[in-house]
Full PDB file with SEQRES, HELIX, SHEET, SSBOND, CRYST1, ORIGX, SCALE, CONECT and MASTER records, all heavy atoms in Angstrom:
SEQRES   1 A   30  PHE LEU GLY ALA ARG GLN SER GLY LEU PRO MET LEU ARG          
SEQRES   2 A   30  PHE ALA ASP PRO GLU LYS ASP GLU GLU LEU LEU GLU ALA          
SEQRES   3 A   30  ALA ARG GLY ALA                                              
HELIX    1 AA1 ALA A    4  SER A    7  1                                   4    
HELIX    2 AA2 GLU A   21  GLY A   29  1                                   9    
CRYST1    1.000    1.000    1.000  90.00  90.00  90.00 P 1           1          
ORIGX1      1.000000  0.000000  0.000000        0.00000                         
ORIGX2      0.000000  1.000000  0.000000        0.00000                         
ORIGX3      0.000000  0.000000  1.000000        0.00000                         
SCALE1      1.000000  0.000000  0.000000        0.00000                         
SCALE2      0.000000  1.000000  0.000000        0.00000                         
SCALE3      0.000000  0.000000  1.000000        0.00000                         
ATOM      1  N   PHE A   1       8.286  -6.336 -18.877  1.00  0.00           N  
ATOM      2  CA  PHE A   1       9.052  -7.104 -18.006  1.00  0.00           C  
ATOM      3  C   PHE A   1       8.522  -8.562 -17.927  1.00  0.00           C  
ATOM      4  O   PHE A   1       9.298  -9.526 -17.957  1.00  0.00           O  
ATOM      5  CB  PHE A   1       9.014  -6.462 -16.614  1.00  0.00           C  
ATOM      6  CG  PHE A   1       9.824  -7.184 -15.514  1.00  0.00           C  
ATOM      7  CD1 PHE A   1      11.122  -6.832 -15.245  1.00  0.00           C  
ATOM      8  CD2 PHE A   1       9.311  -8.328 -14.810  1.00  0.00           C  
ATOM      9  CE1 PHE A   1      11.877  -7.490 -14.312  1.00  0.00           C  
ATOM     10  CE2 PHE A   1      10.002  -8.980 -13.848  1.00  0.00           C  
ATOM     11  CZ  PHE A   1      11.368  -8.603 -13.595  1.00  0.00           C  
ATOM     12  N   LEU A   2       7.190  -8.736 -17.859  1.00  0.00           N  
ATOM     13  CA  LEU A   2       6.628  -9.997 -17.787  1.00  0.00           C  
ATOM     14  C   LEU A   2       6.450 -10.802 -19.080  1.00  0.00           C  
ATOM     15  O   LEU A   2       6.285 -11.954 -19.125  1.00  0.00           O  
ATOM     16  CB  LEU A   2       5.188  -9.887 -17.139  1.00  0.00           C  
ATOM     17  CG  LEU A   2       5.134  -9.531 -15.669  1.00  0.00           C  
ATOM     18  CD1 LEU A   2       3.706  -9.180 -15.290  1.00  0.00           C  
ATOM     19  CD2 LEU A   2       5.640 -10.690 -14.790  1.00  0.00           C  
ATOM     20  N   GLY A   3       6.530 -10.013 -20.200  1.00  0.00           N  
ATOM     21  CA  GLY A   3       6.228 -10.637 -21.486  1.00  0.00           C  
ATOM     22  C   GLY A   3       4.781 -11.017 -21.554  1.00  0.00           C  
ATOM     23  O   GLY A   3       4.377 -12.125 -21.797  1.00  0.00           O  
ATOM     24  N   ALA A   4       3.878 -10.022 -21.343  1.00  0.00           N  
ATOM     25  CA  ALA A   4       2.476 -10.304 -21.051  1.00  0.00           C  
ATOM     26  C   ALA A   4       1.779 -11.029 -22.226  1.00  0.00           C  
ATOM     27  O   ALA A   4       1.020 -11.858 -22.002  1.00  0.00           O  
ATOM     28  CB  ALA A   4       1.744  -8.962 -20.806  1.00  0.00           C  
ATOM     29  N   ARG A   5       2.161 -10.725 -23.456  1.00  0.00           N  
ATOM     30  CA  ARG A   5       1.506 -11.379 -24.613  1.00  0.00           C  
ATOM     31  C   ARG A   5       1.800 -12.853 -24.615  1.00  0.00           C  
ATOM     32  O   ARG A   5       1.014 -13.707 -24.993  1.00  0.00           O  
ATOM     33  CB  ARG A   5       1.966 -10.770 -25.911  1.00  0.00           C  
ATOM     34  CG  ARG A   5       1.547  -9.347 -26.100  1.00  0.00           C  
ATOM     35  CD  ARG A   5       2.076  -8.740 -27.414  1.00  0.00           C  
ATOM     36  NE  ARG A   5       1.603  -7.404 -27.516  1.00  0.00           N  
ATOM     37  CZ  ARG A   5       2.073  -6.552 -28.499  1.00  0.00           C  
ATOM     38  NH1 ARG A   5       2.969  -6.988 -29.368  1.00  0.00           N  
ATOM     39  NH2 ARG A   5       1.635  -5.287 -28.610  1.00  0.00           N  
ATOM     40  N   GLN A   6       2.962 -13.210 -24.075  1.00  0.00           N  
ATOM     41  CA  GLN A   6       3.356 -14.655 -24.095  1.00  0.00           C  
ATOM     42  C   GLN A   6       2.709 -15.329 -22.901  1.00  0.00           C  
ATOM     43  O   GLN A   6       2.254 -16.495 -23.011  1.00  0.00           O  
ATOM     44  CB  GLN A   6       4.844 -14.814 -23.991  1.00  0.00           C  
ATOM     45  CG  GLN A   6       5.375 -16.248 -24.024  1.00  0.00           C  
ATOM     46  CD  GLN A   6       5.134 -16.944 -25.383  1.00  0.00           C  
ATOM     47  OE1 GLN A   6       4.556 -16.396 -26.260  1.00  0.00           O  
ATOM     48  NE2 GLN A   6       5.561 -18.144 -25.479  1.00  0.00           N  
ATOM     49  N   SER A   7       2.584 -14.686 -21.714  1.00  0.00           N  
ATOM     50  CA  SER A   7       2.154 -15.331 -20.538  1.00  0.00           C  
ATOM     51  C   SER A   7       0.588 -15.468 -20.555  1.00  0.00           C  
ATOM     52  O   SER A   7       0.093 -16.368 -19.825  1.00  0.00           O  
ATOM     53  CB  SER A   7       2.566 -14.576 -19.270  1.00  0.00           C  
ATOM     54  OG  SER A   7       1.905 -13.380 -19.243  1.00  0.00           O  
ATOM     55  N   GLY A   8      -0.090 -14.599 -21.250  1.00  0.00           N  
ATOM     56  CA  GLY A   8      -1.566 -14.626 -21.312  1.00  0.00           C  
ATOM     57  C   GLY A   8      -2.227 -13.950 -20.190  1.00  0.00           C  
ATOM     58  O   GLY A   8      -3.434 -14.067 -19.989  1.00  0.00           O  
ATOM     59  N   LEU A   9      -1.455 -13.187 -19.338  1.00  0.00           N  
ATOM     60  CA  LEU A   9      -2.083 -12.543 -18.256  1.00  0.00           C  
ATOM     61  C   LEU A   9      -2.839 -11.272 -18.610  1.00  0.00           C  
ATOM     62  O   LEU A   9      -2.283 -10.546 -19.432  1.00  0.00           O  
ATOM     63  CB  LEU A   9      -1.027 -12.156 -17.233  1.00  0.00           C  
ATOM     64  CG  LEU A   9      -0.465 -13.284 -16.304  1.00  0.00           C  
ATOM     65  CD1 LEU A   9       0.671 -12.729 -15.560  1.00  0.00           C  
ATOM     66  CD2 LEU A   9      -1.555 -13.776 -15.391  1.00  0.00           C  
ATOM     67  N   PRO A  10      -3.913 -10.944 -18.098  1.00  0.00           N  
ATOM     68  CA  PRO A  10      -4.579  -9.652 -18.274  1.00  0.00           C  
ATOM     69  C   PRO A  10      -3.673  -8.610 -17.609  1.00  0.00           C  
ATOM     70  O   PRO A  10      -3.453  -8.662 -16.407  1.00  0.00           O  
ATOM     71  CB  PRO A  10      -5.953  -9.720 -17.608  1.00  0.00           C  
ATOM     72  CG  PRO A  10      -6.179 -11.213 -17.318  1.00  0.00           C  
ATOM     73  CD  PRO A  10      -4.828 -11.834 -17.246  1.00  0.00           C  
ATOM     74  N   MET A  11      -3.211  -7.675 -18.350  1.00  0.00           N  
ATOM     75  CA  MET A  11      -2.332  -6.642 -17.772  1.00  0.00           C  
ATOM     76  C   MET A  11      -3.125  -5.503 -17.100  1.00  0.00           C  
ATOM     77  O   MET A  11      -4.251  -5.243 -17.476  1.00  0.00           O  
ATOM     78  CB  MET A  11      -1.445  -6.032 -18.931  1.00  0.00           C  
ATOM     79  CG  MET A  11      -0.502  -7.075 -19.526  1.00  0.00           C  
ATOM     80  SD  MET A  11       0.527  -7.912 -18.327  1.00  0.00           S  
ATOM     81  CE  MET A  11       1.484  -6.491 -17.737  1.00  0.00           C  
ATOM     82  N   LEU A  12      -2.522  -4.881 -16.126  1.00  0.00           N  
ATOM     83  CA  LEU A  12      -3.108  -3.720 -15.516  1.00  0.00           C  
ATOM     84  C   LEU A  12      -3.043  -2.529 -16.408  1.00  0.00           C  
ATOM     85  O   LEU A  12      -1.998  -2.244 -17.061  1.00  0.00           O  
ATOM     86  CB  LEU A  12      -2.354  -3.400 -14.187  1.00  0.00           C  
ATOM     87  CG  LEU A  12      -2.461  -4.426 -13.054  1.00  0.00           C  
ATOM     88  CD1 LEU A  12      -1.464  -4.166 -12.005  1.00  0.00           C  
ATOM     89  CD2 LEU A  12      -3.890  -4.534 -12.531  1.00  0.00           C  
ATOM     90  N   ARG A  13      -4.134  -1.843 -16.549  1.00  0.00           N  
ATOM     91  CA  ARG A  13      -4.170  -0.666 -17.472  1.00  0.00           C  
ATOM     92  C   ARG A  13      -3.891   0.677 -16.779  1.00  0.00           C  
ATOM     93  O   ARG A  13      -3.306   1.576 -17.333  1.00  0.00           O  
ATOM     94  CB  ARG A  13      -5.568  -0.586 -18.100  1.00  0.00           C  
ATOM     95  CG  ARG A  13      -5.898  -1.719 -18.963  1.00  0.00           C  
ATOM     96  CD  ARG A  13      -7.457  -1.769 -19.293  1.00  0.00           C  
ATOM     97  NE  ARG A  13      -7.869  -0.419 -19.876  1.00  0.00           N  
ATOM     98  CZ  ARG A  13      -9.203  -0.129 -19.927  1.00  0.00           C  
ATOM     99  NH1 ARG A  13     -10.076  -0.980 -19.525  1.00  0.00           N  
ATOM    100  NH2 ARG A  13      -9.542   1.066 -20.535  1.00  0.00           N  
ATOM    101  N   PHE A  14      -4.282   0.717 -15.480  1.00  0.00           N  
ATOM    102  CA  PHE A  14      -4.195   2.033 -14.795  1.00  0.00           C  
ATOM    103  C   PHE A  14      -3.111   2.005 -13.624  1.00  0.00           C  
ATOM    104  O   PHE A  14      -2.486   2.937 -13.430  1.00  0.00           O  
ATOM    105  CB  PHE A  14      -5.526   2.492 -14.275  1.00  0.00           C  
ATOM    106  CG  PHE A  14      -6.572   2.471 -15.376  1.00  0.00           C  
ATOM    107  CD1 PHE A  14      -7.683   1.569 -15.275  1.00  0.00           C  
ATOM    108  CD2 PHE A  14      -6.517   3.296 -16.422  1.00  0.00           C  
ATOM    109  CE1 PHE A  14      -8.664   1.540 -16.257  1.00  0.00           C  
ATOM    110  CE2 PHE A  14      -7.506   3.264 -17.427  1.00  0.00           C  
ATOM    111  CZ  PHE A  14      -8.519   2.400 -17.354  1.00  0.00           C  
ATOM    112  N   ALA A  15      -3.143   0.921 -12.905  1.00  0.00           N  
ATOM    113  CA  ALA A  15      -2.303   0.870 -11.727  1.00  0.00           C  
ATOM    114  C   ALA A  15      -0.898   0.367 -12.083  1.00  0.00           C  
ATOM    115  O   ALA A  15      -0.758  -0.363 -13.096  1.00  0.00           O  
ATOM    116  CB  ALA A  15      -2.944  -0.141 -10.685  1.00  0.00           C  
ATOM    117  N   ASP A  16       0.115   0.744 -11.309  1.00  0.00           N  
ATOM    118  CA  ASP A  16       1.494   0.272 -11.462  1.00  0.00           C  
ATOM    119  C   ASP A  16       1.876  -0.302 -10.094  1.00  0.00           C  
ATOM    120  O   ASP A  16       1.962   0.454  -9.103  1.00  0.00           O  
ATOM    121  CB  ASP A  16       2.361   1.445 -11.816  1.00  0.00           C  
ATOM    122  CG  ASP A  16       3.802   1.085 -11.984  1.00  0.00           C  
ATOM    123  OD1 ASP A  16       4.255   0.118 -11.276  1.00  0.00           O  
ATOM    124  OD2 ASP A  16       4.464   1.684 -12.834  1.00  0.00           O  
ATOM    125  N   PRO A  17       2.069  -1.615 -10.056  1.00  0.00           N  
ATOM    126  CA  PRO A  17       2.325  -2.235  -8.747  1.00  0.00           C  
ATOM    127  C   PRO A  17       3.510  -1.627  -7.972  1.00  0.00           C  
ATOM    128  O   PRO A  17       3.498  -1.561  -6.720  1.00  0.00           O  
ATOM    129  CB  PRO A  17       2.583  -3.665  -9.064  1.00  0.00           C  
ATOM    130  CG  PRO A  17       1.970  -3.905 -10.353  1.00  0.00           C  
ATOM    131  CD  PRO A  17       2.019  -2.602 -11.083  1.00  0.00           C  
ATOM    132  N   GLU A  18       4.485  -1.141  -8.705  1.00  0.00           N  
ATOM    133  CA  GLU A  18       5.702  -0.600  -8.091  1.00  0.00           C  
ATOM    134  C   GLU A  18       5.343   0.842  -7.469  1.00  0.00           C  
ATOM    135  O   GLU A  18       5.680   1.123  -6.328  1.00  0.00           O  
ATOM    136  CB  GLU A  18       6.801  -0.446  -9.050  1.00  0.00           C  
ATOM    137  CG  GLU A  18       8.171  -0.120  -8.487  1.00  0.00           C  
ATOM    138  CD  GLU A  18       8.817  -1.269  -7.833  1.00  0.00           C  
ATOM    139  OE1 GLU A  18       8.310  -2.406  -7.811  1.00  0.00           O  
ATOM    140  OE2 GLU A  18       9.826  -1.076  -7.192  1.00  0.00           O  
ATOM    141  N   LYS A  19       4.701   1.647  -8.252  1.00  0.00           N  
ATOM    142  CA  LYS A  19       4.377   2.999  -7.841  1.00  0.00           C  
ATOM    143  C   LYS A  19       3.163   3.055  -6.903  1.00  0.00           C  
ATOM    144  O   LYS A  19       3.046   3.902  -5.995  1.00  0.00           O  
ATOM    145  CB  LYS A  19       4.039   3.892  -9.019  1.00  0.00           C  
ATOM    146  CG  LYS A  19       5.207   4.188  -9.928  1.00  0.00           C  
ATOM    147  CD  LYS A  19       4.854   4.964 -11.153  1.00  0.00           C  
ATOM    148  CE  LYS A  19       5.961   5.126 -12.116  1.00  0.00           C  
ATOM    149  NZ  LYS A  19       5.562   5.834 -13.372  1.00  0.00           N  
ATOM    150  N   ASP A  20       2.288   2.077  -6.978  1.00  0.00           N  
ATOM    151  CA  ASP A  20       1.073   2.101  -6.196  1.00  0.00           C  
ATOM    152  C   ASP A  20       1.097   0.925  -5.181  1.00  0.00           C  
ATOM    153  O   ASP A  20       0.075   0.263  -4.963  1.00  0.00           O  
ATOM    154  CB  ASP A  20      -0.147   1.865  -7.104  1.00  0.00           C  
ATOM    155  CG  ASP A  20      -0.269   3.045  -8.087  1.00  0.00           C  
ATOM    156  OD1 ASP A  20      -0.178   4.177  -7.699  1.00  0.00           O  
ATOM    157  OD2 ASP A  20      -0.442   2.756  -9.327  1.00  0.00           O  
ATOM    158  N   GLU A  21       2.278   0.728  -4.591  1.00  0.00           N  
ATOM    159  CA  GLU A  21       2.376  -0.378  -3.599  1.00  0.00           C  
ATOM    160  C   GLU A  21       1.464  -0.292  -2.444  1.00  0.00           C  
ATOM    161  O   GLU A  21       0.887  -1.307  -1.945  1.00  0.00           O  
ATOM    162  CB  GLU A  21       3.816  -0.475  -3.082  1.00  0.00           C  
ATOM    163  CG  GLU A  21       4.123  -1.693  -2.295  1.00  0.00           C  
ATOM    164  CD  GLU A  21       5.578  -1.930  -2.014  1.00  0.00           C  
ATOM    165  OE1 GLU A  21       6.439  -1.158  -2.477  1.00  0.00           O  
ATOM    166  OE2 GLU A  21       5.858  -2.787  -1.133  1.00  0.00           O  
ATOM    167  N   GLU A  22       1.152   0.965  -1.959  1.00  0.00           N  
ATOM    168  CA  GLU A  22       0.268   1.109  -0.792  1.00  0.00           C  
ATOM    169  C   GLU A  22      -1.142   0.635  -1.232  1.00  0.00           C  
ATOM    170  O   GLU A  22      -1.855  -0.022  -0.447  1.00  0.00           O  
ATOM    171  CB  GLU A  22       0.232   2.548  -0.306  1.00  0.00           C  
ATOM    172  CG  GLU A  22       1.472   2.929   0.530  1.00  0.00           C  
ATOM    173  CD  GLU A  22       1.368   4.268   1.140  1.00  0.00           C  
ATOM    174  OE1 GLU A  22       0.240   4.841   1.255  1.00  0.00           O  
ATOM    175  OE2 GLU A  22       2.381   4.840   1.484  1.00  0.00           O  
ATOM    176  N   LEU A  23      -1.622   1.029  -2.452  1.00  0.00           N  
ATOM    177  CA  LEU A  23      -2.894   0.607  -2.942  1.00  0.00           C  
ATOM    178  C   LEU A  23      -2.929  -0.883  -3.060  1.00  0.00           C  
ATOM    179  O   LEU A  23      -4.042  -1.533  -2.833  1.00  0.00           O  
ATOM    180  CB  LEU A  23      -3.214   1.301  -4.235  1.00  0.00           C  
ATOM    181  CG  LEU A  23      -3.712   2.751  -4.260  1.00  0.00           C  
ATOM    182  CD1 LEU A  23      -3.942   3.216  -5.641  1.00  0.00           C  
ATOM    183  CD2 LEU A  23      -5.028   2.778  -3.458  1.00  0.00           C  
ATOM    184  N   LEU A  24      -1.894  -1.439  -3.554  1.00  0.00           N  
ATOM    185  CA  LEU A  24      -1.789  -2.912  -3.787  1.00  0.00           C  
ATOM    186  C   LEU A  24      -1.991  -3.601  -2.437  1.00  0.00           C  
ATOM    187  O   LEU A  24      -2.684  -4.633  -2.339  1.00  0.00           O  
ATOM    188  CB  LEU A  24      -0.457  -3.322  -4.410  1.00  0.00           C  
ATOM    189  CG  LEU A  24      -0.154  -4.790  -4.628  1.00  0.00           C  
ATOM    190  CD1 LEU A  24      -1.320  -5.424  -5.448  1.00  0.00           C  
ATOM    191  CD2 LEU A  24       1.160  -4.974  -5.274  1.00  0.00           C  
ATOM    192  N   GLU A  25      -1.303  -3.167  -1.382  1.00  0.00           N  
ATOM    193  CA  GLU A  25      -1.427  -3.765  -0.045  1.00  0.00           C  
ATOM    194  C   GLU A  25      -2.881  -3.673   0.454  1.00  0.00           C  
ATOM    195  O   GLU A  25      -3.453  -4.631   0.976  1.00  0.00           O  
ATOM    196  CB  GLU A  25      -0.515  -3.057   0.922  1.00  0.00           C  
ATOM    197  CG  GLU A  25       1.007  -3.317   0.697  1.00  0.00           C  
ATOM    198  CD  GLU A  25       1.500  -4.615   1.327  1.00  0.00           C  
ATOM    199  OE1 GLU A  25       0.593  -5.453   1.667  1.00  0.00           O  
ATOM    200  OE2 GLU A  25       2.675  -4.829   1.404  1.00  0.00           O  
ATOM    201  N   ALA A  26      -3.480  -2.485   0.229  1.00  0.00           N  
ATOM    202  CA  ALA A  26      -4.867  -2.325   0.610  1.00  0.00           C  
ATOM    203  C   ALA A  26      -5.798  -3.242  -0.170  1.00  0.00           C  
ATOM    204  O   ALA A  26      -6.748  -3.803   0.432  1.00  0.00           O  
ATOM    205  CB  ALA A  26      -5.276  -0.845   0.426  1.00  0.00           C  
ATOM    206  N   ALA A  27      -5.561  -3.404  -1.467  1.00  0.00           N  
ATOM    207  CA  ALA A  27      -6.354  -4.248  -2.290  1.00  0.00           C  
ATOM    208  C   ALA A  27      -6.225  -5.688  -1.832  1.00  0.00           C  
ATOM    209  O   ALA A  27      -7.261  -6.451  -1.859  1.00  0.00           O  
ATOM    210  CB  ALA A  27      -6.025  -4.161  -3.747  1.00  0.00           C  
ATOM    211  N   ARG A  28      -5.063  -6.108  -1.441  1.00  0.00           N  
ATOM    212  CA  ARG A  28      -4.904  -7.507  -0.929  1.00  0.00           C  
ATOM    213  C   ARG A  28      -5.712  -7.742   0.287  1.00  0.00           C  
ATOM    214  O   ARG A  28      -6.415  -8.759   0.382  1.00  0.00           O  
ATOM    215  CB  ARG A  28      -3.411  -7.728  -0.655  1.00  0.00           C  
ATOM    216  CG  ARG A  28      -2.501  -8.020  -1.792  1.00  0.00           C  
ATOM    217  CD  ARG A  28      -1.075  -7.790  -1.434  1.00  0.00           C  
ATOM    218  NE  ARG A  28      -0.539  -8.642  -0.461  1.00  0.00           N  
ATOM    219  CZ  ARG A  28      -0.069  -9.914  -0.633  1.00  0.00           C  
ATOM    220  NH1 ARG A  28      -0.088 -10.445  -1.898  1.00  0.00           N  
ATOM    221  NH2 ARG A  28       0.348 -10.638   0.373  1.00  0.00           N  
ATOM    222  N   GLY A  29      -5.720  -6.770   1.249  1.00  0.00           N  
ATOM    223  CA  GLY A  29      -6.573  -6.889   2.380  1.00  0.00           C  
ATOM    224  C   GLY A  29      -8.049  -6.859   2.073  1.00  0.00           C  
ATOM    225  O   GLY A  29      -8.767  -7.730   2.643  1.00  0.00           O  
ATOM    226  N   ALA A  30      -8.380  -6.026   1.188  1.00  0.00           N  
ATOM    227  CA  ALA A  30      -9.838  -5.967   0.738  1.00  0.00           C  
ATOM    228  C   ALA A  30     -10.298  -7.256   0.120  1.00  0.00           C  
ATOM    229  O   ALA A  30     -11.463  -7.656   0.217  1.00  0.00           O  
ATOM    230  CB  ALA A  30     -10.069  -4.759  -0.133  1.00  0.00           C  
TER     231      ALA A  30                                                      
MASTER        0    0    0    2    0    0    0    6  230    1    0    3          
END                                                                             
């Protein structure tokens, strides 16, 4: 979706922001 190779961003290997939204919210607070 992001075209990671072009954007140069390190991609997530294990987490999925869509499926792991609760974990993402917790990580933002942490």
